[in-house]
PDB file of all heavy atoms in Angstrom:
ATOM      1  N   ASP A   1       0.812  -1.231   0.060  1.00  0.00           N
ATOM      2  CA  ASP A   1      -0.011   0.029   0.017  1.00  0.00           C
ATOM      3  C   ASP A   1       0.859   1.245   0.025  1.00  0.00           C
ATOM      4  O   ASP A   1       0.309   2.378   0.211  1.00  0.00           O
ATOM      5  CB  ASP A   1      -0.900   0.031   1.226  1.00  0.00           C
ATOM      6  CG  ASP A   1      -1.934  -1.158   1.223  1.00  0.00           C
ATOM      7  OD1 ASP A   1      -2.363  -1.528   0.172  1.00  0.00           O
ATOM      8  OD2 ASP A   1      -2.215  -1.679   2.291  1.00  0.00           O
ATOM      9  N   ALA A   2       2.190   1.157  -0.184  1.00  0.00           N
ATOM     10  CA  ALA A   2       3.002   2.336  -0.211  1.00  0.00           C
ATOM     11  C   ALA A   2       2.669   3.229  -1.330  1.00  0.00           C
ATOM     12  O   ALA A   2       2.396   2.799  -2.342  1.00  0.00           O
ATOM     13  CB  ALA A   2       4.470   1.950  -0.281  1.00  0.00           C
ATOM     14  N   LYS A   3       2.615   4.556  -1.017  1.00  0.00           N
ATOM     15  CA  LYS A   3       2.331   5.535  -1.992  1.00  0.00           C
ATOM     16  C   LYS A   3       3.537   6.037  -2.640  1.00  0.00           C
ATOM     17  O   LYS A   3       4.694   6.062  -2.084  1.00  0.00           O
ATOM     18  CB  LYS A   3       1.587   6.731  -1.271  1.00  0.00           C
ATOM     19  CG  LYS A   3       0.246   6.291  -0.792  1.00  0.00           C
ATOM     20  CD  LYS A   3      -0.437   7.416  -0.058  1.00  0.00           C
ATOM     21  CE  LYS A   3      -1.813   7.143   0.448  1.00  0.00           C
ATOM     22  NZ  LYS A   3      -1.846   5.941   1.380  1.00  0.00           N
ATOM     23  N   PRO A   4       3.517   6.528  -3.925  1.00  0.00           N
ATOM     24  CA  PRO A   4       4.654   7.097  -4.609  1.00  0.00           C
ATOM     25  C   PRO A   4       5.386   8.155  -3.644  1.00  0.00           C
ATOM     26  O   PRO A   4       4.672   8.957  -3.126  1.00  0.00           O
ATOM     27  CB  PRO A   4       4.057   7.690  -5.906  1.00  0.00           C
ATOM     28  CG  PRO A   4       2.900   6.874  -6.135  1.00  0.00           C
ATOM     29  CD  PRO A   4       2.293   6.515  -4.785  1.00  0.00           C
ATOM     30  N   GLU A   5       6.675   8.055  -3.670  1.00  0.00           N
ATOM     31  CA  GLU A   5       7.556   9.008  -2.873  1.00  0.00           C
ATOM     32  C   GLU A   5       7.526   8.706  -1.382  1.00  0.00           C
ATOM     33  O   GLU A   5       8.083   9.504  -0.633  1.00  0.00           O
ATOM     34  CB  GLU A   5       7.302  10.379  -3.236  1.00  0.00           C
ATOM     35  CG  GLU A   5       7.584  10.763  -4.660  1.00  0.00           C
ATOM     36  CD  GLU A   5       7.659  12.324  -4.847  1.00  0.00           C
ATOM     37  OE1 GLU A   5       6.618  12.965  -5.109  1.00  0.00           O
ATOM     38  OE2 GLU A   5       8.800  12.908  -4.729  1.00  0.00           O
ATOM     39  N   GLU A   6       6.889   7.593  -0.975  1.00  0.00           N
ATOM     40  CA  GLU A   6       6.889   7.236   0.415  1.00  0.00           C
ATOM     41  C   GLU A   6       8.147   6.489   0.777  1.00  0.00           C
ATOM     42  O   GLU A   6       8.471   5.509   0.085  1.00  0.00           O
ATOM     43  CB  GLU A   6       5.705   6.430   0.794  1.00  0.00           C
ATOM     44  CG  GLU A   6       5.378   6.329   2.284  1.00  0.00           C
ATOM     45  CD  GLU A   6       4.072   5.730   2.660  1.00  0.00           C
ATOM     46  OE1 GLU A   6       3.359   5.364   1.699  1.00  0.00           O
ATOM     47  OE2 GLU A   6       3.684   5.640   3.824  1.00  0.00           O
ATOM     48  N   SER A   7       8.919   6.944   1.801  1.00  0.00           N
ATOM     49  CA  SER A   7      10.228   6.301   2.069  1.00  0.00           C
ATOM     50  C   SER A   7      10.110   5.401   3.303  1.00  0.00           C
ATOM     51  O   SER A   7       9.425   5.666   4.282  1.00  0.00           O
ATOM     52  CB  SER A   7      11.269   7.424   2.274  1.00  0.00           C
ATOM     53  OG  SER A   7      11.590   7.991   1.068  1.00  0.00           O
ATOM     54  N   PHE A   8      10.964   4.377   3.214  1.00  0.00           N
ATOM     55  CA  PHE A   8      11.043   3.430   4.349  1.00  0.00           C
ATOM     56  C   PHE A   8      12.526   3.010   4.542  1.00  0.00           C
ATOM     57  O   PHE A   8      13.243   3.018   3.635  1.00  0.00           O
ATOM     58  CB  PHE A   8      10.173   2.189   4.152  1.00  0.00           C
ATOM     59  CG  PHE A   8       8.753   2.416   3.912  1.00  0.00           C
ATOM     60  CD1 PHE A   8       8.270   2.639   2.602  1.00  0.00           C
ATOM     61  CD2 PHE A   8       7.813   2.526   4.936  1.00  0.00           C
ATOM     62  CE1 PHE A   8       6.957   2.860   2.369  1.00  0.00           C
ATOM     63  CE2 PHE A   8       6.505   2.734   4.735  1.00  0.00           C
ATOM     64  CZ  PHE A   8       6.066   2.906   3.445  1.00  0.00           C
ATOM     65  N   GLN A   9      12.796   2.513   5.845  1.00  0.00           N
ATOM     66  CA  GLN A   9      14.050   1.854   6.025  1.00  0.00           C
ATOM     67  C   GLN A   9      13.714   0.333   5.944  1.00  0.00           C
ATOM     68  O   GLN A   9      12.914  -0.213   6.702  1.00  0.00           O
ATOM     69  CB  GLN A   9      14.684   2.117   7.303  1.00  0.00           C
ATOM     70  CG  GLN A   9      15.967   1.442   7.499  1.00  0.00           C
ATOM     71  CD  GLN A   9      16.500   1.321   8.988  1.00  0.00           C
ATOM     72  OE1 GLN A   9      16.391   0.317   9.683  1.00  0.00           O
ATOM     73  NE2 GLN A   9      17.062   2.513   9.421  1.00  0.00           N
ATOM     74  N   PHE A  10      14.262  -0.291   4.927  1.00  0.00           N
ATOM     75  CA  PHE A  10      14.190  -1.768   4.872  1.00  0.00           C
ATOM     76  C   PHE A  10      15.265  -2.339   5.838  1.00  0.00           C
ATOM     77  O   PHE A  10      16.458  -2.022   5.603  1.00  0.00           O
ATOM     78  CB  PHE A  10      14.505  -2.347   3.441  1.00  0.00           C
ATOM     79  CG  PHE A  10      13.319  -2.065   2.445  1.00  0.00           C
ATOM     80  CD1 PHE A  10      12.122  -1.418   2.836  1.00  0.00           C
ATOM     81  CD2 PHE A  10      13.427  -2.467   1.237  1.00  0.00           C
ATOM     82  CE1 PHE A  10      11.146  -1.148   1.955  1.00  0.00           C
ATOM     83  CE2 PHE A  10      12.397  -2.269   0.268  1.00  0.00           C
ATOM     84  CZ  PHE A  10      11.294  -1.625   0.655  1.00  0.00           C
ATOM     85  N   GLU A  11      14.831  -2.932   6.938  1.00  0.00           N
ATOM     86  CA  GLU A  11      15.730  -3.296   7.994  1.00  0.00           C
ATOM     87  C   GLU A  11      16.886  -4.088   7.444  1.00  0.00           C
ATOM     88  O   GLU A  11      16.767  -4.992   6.633  1.00  0.00           O
ATOM     89  CB  GLU A  11      14.972  -4.076   9.074  1.00  0.00           C
ATOM     90  CG  GLU A  11      13.913  -3.322   9.765  1.00  0.00           C
ATOM     91  CD  GLU A  11      13.235  -4.046  10.809  1.00  0.00           C
ATOM     92  OE1 GLU A  11      13.724  -4.984  11.248  1.00  0.00           O
ATOM     93  OE2 GLU A  11      12.152  -3.558  11.357  1.00  0.00           O
ATOM     94  N   ARG A  12      18.119  -3.712   7.875  1.00  0.00           N
ATOM     95  CA  ARG A  12      19.450  -4.266   7.482  1.00  0.00           C
ATOM     96  C   ARG A  12      19.839  -3.851   6.084  1.00  0.00           C
ATOM     97  O   ARG A  12      21.054  -4.074   5.756  1.00  0.00           O
ATOM     98  CB  ARG A  12      19.371  -5.873   7.521  1.00  0.00           C
ATOM     99  CG  ARG A  12      19.482  -6.400   8.978  1.00  0.00           C
ATOM    100  CD  ARG A  12      19.510  -7.900   8.906  1.00  0.00           C
ATOM    101  NE  ARG A  12      20.479  -8.507   8.067  1.00  0.00           N
ATOM    102  CZ  ARG A  12      20.459  -9.657   7.690  1.00  0.00           C
ATOM    103  NH1 ARG A  12      19.501 -10.592   8.049  1.00  0.00           N
ATOM    104  NH2 ARG A  12      21.446 -10.195   6.799  1.00  0.00           N
ATOM    105  N   HIS A  13      19.041  -3.324   5.259  1.00  0.00           N
ATOM    106  CA  HIS A  13      19.408  -3.110   3.831  1.00  0.00           C
ATOM    107  C   HIS A  13      19.664  -1.595   3.534  1.00  0.00           C
ATOM    108  O   HIS A  13      20.503  -1.312   2.716  1.00  0.00           O
ATOM    109  CB  HIS A  13      18.268  -3.651   2.971  1.00  0.00           C
ATOM    110  CG  HIS A  13      18.125  -5.101   2.978  1.00  0.00           C
ATOM    111  ND1 HIS A  13      19.149  -5.953   2.642  1.00  0.00           N
ATOM    112  CD2 HIS A  13      17.148  -5.910   3.252  1.00  0.00           C
ATOM    113  CE1 HIS A  13      18.866  -7.229   2.720  1.00  0.00           C
ATOM    114  NE2 HIS A  13      17.540  -7.287   3.118  1.00  0.00           N
ATOM    115  N   GLY A  14      18.897  -0.720   4.110  1.00  0.00           N
ATOM    116  CA  GLY A  14      18.996   0.642   3.678  1.00  0.00           C
ATOM    117  C   GLY A  14      17.703   1.398   3.601  1.00  0.00           C
ATOM    118  O   GLY A  14      16.622   0.923   4.072  1.00  0.00           O
ATOM    119  N   TYR A  15      17.751   2.530   2.966  1.00  0.00           N
ATOM    120  CA  TYR A  15      16.560   3.339   2.727  1.00  0.00           C
ATOM    121  C   TYR A  15      16.006   3.198   1.308  1.00  0.00           C
ATOM    122  O   TYR A  15      16.769   3.309   0.373  1.00  0.00           O
ATOM    123  CB  TYR A  15      16.868   4.798   3.109  1.00  0.00           C
ATOM    124  CG  TYR A  15      17.205   4.888   4.557  1.00  0.00           C
ATOM    125  CD1 TYR A  15      18.564   5.002   4.976  1.00  0.00           C
ATOM    126  CD2 TYR A  15      16.269   4.925   5.615  1.00  0.00           C
ATOM    127  CE1 TYR A  15      18.955   5.012   6.318  1.00  0.00           C
ATOM    128  CE2 TYR A  15      16.624   5.003   6.968  1.00  0.00           C
ATOM    129  CZ  TYR A  15      17.954   5.018   7.322  1.00  0.00           C
ATOM    130  OH  TYR A  15      18.343   5.111   8.642  1.00  0.00           O
ATOM    131  N   PHE A  16      14.715   3.018   1.163  1.00  0.00           N
ATOM    132  CA  PHE A  16      14.085   2.866  -0.103  1.00  0.00           C
ATOM    133  C   PHE A  16      12.894   3.726  -0.260  1.00  0.00           C
ATOM    134  O   PHE A  16      12.234   4.070   0.740  1.00  0.00           O
ATOM    135  CB  PHE A  16      13.686   1.316  -0.217  1.00  0.00           C
ATOM    136  CG  PHE A  16      14.863   0.413  -0.308  1.00  0.00           C
ATOM    137  CD1 PHE A  16      15.531  -0.013   0.764  1.00  0.00           C
ATOM    138  CD2 PHE A  16      15.195  -0.249  -1.558  1.00  0.00           C
ATOM    139  CE1 PHE A  16      16.631  -0.800   0.763  1.00  0.00           C
ATOM    140  CE2 PHE A  16      16.253  -1.105  -1.623  1.00  0.00           C
ATOM    141  CZ  PHE A  16      16.992  -1.356  -0.517  1.00  0.00           C
ATOM    142  N   VAL A  17      12.515   4.036  -1.468  1.00  0.00           N
ATOM    143  CA  VAL A  17      11.359   4.855  -1.742  1.00  0.00           C
ATOM    144  C   VAL A  17      10.578   4.300  -2.817  1.00  0.00           C
ATOM    145  O   VAL A  17      11.087   3.646  -3.784  1.00  0.00           O
ATOM    146  CB  VAL A  17      11.926   6.316  -2.181  1.00  0.00           C
ATOM    147  CG1 VAL A  17      12.631   6.287  -3.473  1.00  0.00           C
ATOM    148  CG2 VAL A  17      10.716   7.330  -2.229  1.00  0.00           C
ATOM    149  N   ALA A  18       9.218   4.460  -2.742  1.00  0.00           N
ATOM    150  CA  ALA A  18       8.312   4.013  -3.810  1.00  0.00           C
ATOM    151  C   ALA A  18       8.497   4.997  -4.940  1.00  0.00           C
ATOM    152  O   ALA A  18       8.355   6.157  -4.806  1.00  0.00           O
ATOM    153  CB  ALA A  18       6.932   3.933  -3.313  1.00  0.00           C
ATOM    154  N   ASP A  19       8.916   4.381  -6.089  1.00  0.00           N
ATOM    155  CA  ASP A  19       9.140   5.201  -7.266  1.00  0.00           C
ATOM    156  C   ASP A  19       8.052   6.089  -7.740  1.00  0.00           C
ATOM    157  O   ASP A  19       6.827   5.496  -7.810  1.00  0.00           O
ATOM    158  CB  ASP A  19       9.498   4.312  -8.424  1.00  0.00           C
ATOM    159  CG  ASP A  19      10.076   5.062  -9.641  1.00  0.00           C
ATOM    160  OD1 ASP A  19       9.204   5.545 -10.463  1.00  0.00           O
ATOM    161  OD2 ASP A  19      11.311   5.204  -9.776  1.00  0.00           O
ATOM    162  N   ARG A  20       8.249   7.335  -7.840  1.00  0.00           N
ATOM    163  CA  ARG A  20       7.146   8.361  -8.174  1.00  0.00           C
ATOM    164  C   ARG A  20       6.595   8.183  -9.506  1.00  0.00           C
ATOM    165  O   ARG A  20       5.590   8.716  -9.819  1.00  0.00           O
ATOM    166  CB  ARG A  20       7.697   9.693  -7.848  1.00  0.00           C
ATOM    167  CG  ARG A  20       8.679  10.300  -8.809  1.00  0.00           C
ATOM    168  CD  ARG A  20       9.305  11.647  -8.361  1.00  0.00           C
ATOM    169  NE  ARG A  20       8.247  12.572  -8.205  1.00  0.00           N
ATOM    170  CZ  ARG A  20       8.060  13.587  -9.125  1.00  0.00           C
ATOM    171  NH1 ARG A  20       8.876  13.625 -10.206  1.00  0.00           N
ATOM    172  NH2 ARG A  20       7.199  14.543  -8.993  1.00  0.00           N
ATOM    173  N   LYS A  21       7.309   7.475 -10.414  1.00  0.00           N
ATOM    174  CA  LYS A  21       6.956   7.442 -11.834  1.00  0.00           C
ATOM    175  C   LYS A  21       6.364   6.095 -12.192  1.00  0.00           C
ATOM    176  O   LYS A  21       5.375   6.011 -12.940  1.00  0.00           O
ATOM    177  CB  LYS A  21       8.169   7.672 -12.675  1.00  0.00           C
ATOM    178  CG  LYS A  21       7.880   7.769 -14.207  1.00  0.00           C
ATOM    179  CD  LYS A  21       9.214   8.193 -14.965  1.00  0.00           C
ATOM    180  CE  LYS A  21       8.994   8.235 -16.438  1.00  0.00           C
ATOM    181  NZ  LYS A  21      10.257   8.668 -17.117  1.00  0.00           N
ATOM    182  N   ASP A  22       6.921   5.019 -11.731  1.00  0.00           N
ATOM    183  CA  ASP A  22       6.555   3.690 -12.116  1.00  0.00           C
ATOM    184  C   ASP A  22       5.606   2.930 -11.077  1.00  0.00           C
ATOM    185  O   ASP A  22       5.115   1.936 -11.452  1.00  0.00           O
ATOM    186  CB  ASP A  22       7.737   2.783 -12.427  1.00  0.00           C
ATOM    187  CG  ASP A  22       8.539   3.260 -13.566  1.00  0.00           C
ATOM    188  OD1 ASP A  22       7.995   3.995 -14.491  1.00  0.00           O
ATOM    189  OD2 ASP A  22       9.772   3.031 -13.604  1.00  0.00           O
ATOM    190  N   SER A  23       5.444   3.472  -9.940  1.00  0.00           N
ATOM    191  CA  SER A  23       4.529   2.868  -9.020  1.00  0.00           C
ATOM    192  C   SER A  23       3.090   3.115  -9.336  1.00  0.00           C
ATOM    193  O   SER A  23       2.804   4.207  -9.804  1.00  0.00           O
ATOM    194  CB  SER A  23       4.827   3.358  -7.592  1.00  0.00           C
ATOM    195  OG  SER A  23       6.178   2.992  -7.144  1.00  0.00           O
ATOM    196  N   VAL A  24       2.251   2.189  -9.134  1.00  0.00           N
ATOM    197  CA  VAL A  24       0.790   2.264  -9.280  1.00  0.00           C
ATOM    198  C   VAL A  24       0.176   1.796  -8.021  1.00  0.00           C
ATOM    199  O   VAL A  24       0.759   0.999  -7.205  1.00  0.00           O
ATOM    200  CB  VAL A  24       0.299   1.426 -10.506  1.00  0.00           C
ATOM    201  CG1 VAL A  24       0.904   2.012 -11.787  1.00  0.00           C
ATOM    202  CG2 VAL A  24       0.619   0.032 -10.436  1.00  0.00           C
TER     203      VAL A  24
END
């Protein structure tokens, strides 16, 4: 349910963002 440009820390891996262009 992540919205475009919503950022999260994926535990152990780093910081990730829902792509603002390709996410639906």
